[in-house]
Structure formats: C-alpha cells, structure tokens
Amino acid sequence: MYQIVKNIFYLIRNEVLPNPFGFISTNPNIVEGFTFFIGEPILFLISFWMCKILYDREEPIIGSILYMFFYSTNIFILINLNKLCTSINKIVAIYIVLVILIFIGLIQTRMRINKKKFLGYY
C-alpha cells in the first residue's frame, strides 16, 4: 500500500503541481536548472524536516501523506508570494519568515503531543 501512495504522490509532485520557481527568470532553461539543482533539494529538505517533527515513523503511509502535505504547502506559499511581489529578495525573505513560523508552530504542536503521551492521554 505504501508503494502505491508513494508512486501516486511522486506523479503528483512531478506532473500535477506547478513549478514554484518560475519567478527566477524568463528563460525556461534557467528556471528548470534552478529547480533541479537548487529549488527541489531545498524544498525536499524543508518539507522533510517539517514532516519529521510530527511523524513518529509508525506508519510509512502517514509519513508519505505528511510529506506531500508539507511539500504542497511550501509550493502554495511560493506561488502566492510570486503573485504578491516581483522582487526575488522580498519573496525569499517573506518565505523564510513564514517557514520559521511554521516550524515554531510544528514544534509547539509536537511538544503538546509529547506531553499528552507522557501523561497517558494517548
């Protein structure tokens, strides 16, 4: 079951979701090169770390769903920032602030979950 979910999400990430780095340049070769060598690895790490905060490695399917959720969230943020401003510096600065806020929220959520597990609520 995990392999099916993993393959479906792979297809969604590569074929359905738009490229969030279109604002980098008007040259499609530069955009594709940036996406492949810089953008995707950064999005992977950020999404993976977000997922890792909440995921306990109990069920691989849940981890895959969480990763897809955070990956899609990051793409959504980047695309909407691109619609709001045209300056790459502003987009990067606002994105960094938003990612930090998301991490803070995830860490707080994780701490609440751990506290409830410790107290026996789960």
Protein backbone atom coordinates (compact mmCIF):
# COMPACT_ATOMS: atom_id res chain seq x y z
CA MET A 1 0.00 0.00 0.00
CA TYR A 2 2.84 2.37 0.86
CA GLN A 3 4.43 1.89 -2.58
CA ILE A 4 1.15 2.82 -4.28
CA VAL A 5 0.77 6.00 -2.21
CA LYS A 6 4.43 6.87 -2.73
CA ASN A 7 4.16 6.47 -6.52
CA ILE A 8 0.92 8.46 -6.71
CA PHE A 9 2.47 11.34 -4.75
CA TYR A 10 5.59 11.18 -6.92
CA LEU A 11 3.45 11.62 -10.03
CA ILE A 12 1.52 14.47 -8.41
CA ARG A 13 4.73 16.27 -7.39
CA ASN A 14 6.33 15.92 -10.82
CA GLU A 15 3.40 16.18 -13.19
CA VAL A 16 0.50 17.98 -11.50
CA LEU A 17 1.96 20.59 -9.15
CA PRO A 18 3.24 23.73 -10.87
CA ASN A 19 6.85 24.84 -10.75
CA PRO A 20 7.06 27.38 -7.92
CA PHE A 21 10.33 28.84 -9.19
CA GLY A 22 9.01 30.46 -12.36
CA PHE A 23 9.79 33.88 -10.89
CA ILE A 24 13.55 33.24 -11.07
CA SER A 25 13.89 34.06 -14.76
CA THR A 26 12.01 34.42 -18.03
CA ASN A 27 14.37 31.86 -19.57
CA PRO A 28 12.81 28.39 -19.13
CA ASN A 29 16.23 26.68 -19.16
CA ILE A 30 17.41 28.77 -16.21
CA VAL A 31 14.17 28.06 -14.34
CA GLU A 32 14.49 24.29 -14.94
CA GLY A 33 18.17 24.29 -13.97
CA PHE A 34 17.48 26.25 -10.80
CA THR A 35 14.55 23.99 -9.94
CA PHE A 36 16.55 20.80 -10.44
CA PHE A 37 19.81 21.79 -8.75
CA ILE A 38 18.71 24.25 -6.06
CA GLY A 39 14.94 24.56 -5.65
CA GLU A 40 13.93 20.91 -5.40
CA PRO A 41 16.66 19.92 -2.93
CA ILE A 42 15.75 22.89 -0.70
CA LEU A 43 12.01 22.13 -0.90
CA PHE A 44 12.74 18.48 -0.17
CA LEU A 45 14.74 19.30 2.97
CA ILE A 46 12.27 21.85 4.31
CA SER A 47 9.28 19.57 3.68
CA PHE A 48 11.12 16.56 5.11
CA TRP A 49 12.09 18.44 8.30
CA MET A 50 8.53 19.69 8.72
CA CYS A 51 7.24 16.15 8.33
CA LYS A 52 9.89 14.73 10.66
CA ILE A 53 8.73 16.97 13.53
CA LEU A 54 5.28 15.34 13.60
CA TYR A 55 5.94 11.87 12.17
CA ASP A 56 6.94 9.09 14.58
CA ARG A 57 7.83 6.54 11.87
CA GLU A 58 4.93 4.36 12.92
CA GLU A 59 3.20 4.06 9.54
CA PRO A 60 5.06 4.88 6.31
CA ILE A 61 1.82 5.90 4.60
CA ILE A 62 1.21 8.62 7.18
CA GLY A 63 4.76 9.90 6.67
CA SER A 64 4.22 9.99 2.92
CA ILE A 65 0.94 11.87 3.30
CA LEU A 66 2.51 14.36 5.74
CA TYR A 67 5.46 14.90 3.39
CA MET A 68 3.13 15.54 0.46
CA PHE A 69 1.09 17.96 2.58
CA PHE A 70 4.14 19.99 3.61
CA TYR A 71 5.63 19.88 0.11
CA SER A 72 2.36 21.17 -1.37
CA THR A 73 2.12 23.82 1.35
CA ASN A 74 5.58 25.11 0.51
CA ILE A 75 4.75 25.25 -3.20
CA PHE A 76 1.47 27.04 -2.44
CA ILE A 77 3.34 29.64 -0.36
CA LEU A 78 5.97 30.25 -3.04
CA ILE A 79 3.44 30.56 -5.85
CA ASN A 80 1.29 33.01 -3.90
CA LEU A 81 4.31 35.07 -2.85
CA ASN A 82 5.23 35.27 -6.51
CA LYS A 83 1.75 36.68 -7.22
CA LEU A 84 2.10 39.27 -4.44
CA CYS A 85 5.56 40.63 -5.22
CA THR A 86 8.03 40.56 -8.07
CA SER A 87 11.26 41.08 -6.11
CA ILE A 88 13.15 37.84 -5.56
CA ASN A 89 14.68 39.24 -2.38
CA LYS A 90 11.24 40.01 -0.91
CA ILE A 91 9.90 36.59 -1.87
CA VAL A 92 12.86 34.82 -0.24
CA ALA A 93 12.69 36.99 2.91
CA ILE A 94 8.94 36.51 3.37
CA TYR A 95 9.25 32.78 2.63
CA ILE A 96 11.98 32.36 5.25
CA VAL A 97 9.86 34.14 7.87
CA LEU A 98 6.82 32.00 7.02
CA VAL A 99 8.84 28.78 7.17
CA ILE A 100 10.26 29.77 10.57
CA LEU A 101 6.72 30.47 11.83
CA ILE A 102 5.53 27.10 10.52
CA PHE A 103 8.44 25.36 12.26
CA ILE A 104 7.64 27.13 15.52
CA GLY A 105 4.00 26.01 15.25
CA LEU A 106 5.00 22.44 14.45
CA ILE A 107 7.44 22.26 17.35
CA GLN A 108 4.78 23.59 19.73
CA THR A 109 2.32 21.01 18.42
CA ARG A 110 4.90 18.26 18.87
CA MET A 111 5.56 19.36 22.44
CA ARG A 112 1.83 19.18 23.22
CA ILE A 113 1.61 15.70 21.71
CA ASN A 114 4.61 14.52 23.73
CA LYS A 115 3.14 15.99 26.92
CA LYS A 116 -0.17 14.19 26.33
CA LYS A 117 1.66 10.91 25.63
CA PHE A 118 3.72 11.36 28.78
CA LEU A 119 0.59 11.99 30.85
CA GLY A 120 -1.17 8.97 29.34
CA TYR A 121 -3.79 10.72 27.20
CA TYR A 122 -2.73 8.73 24.11
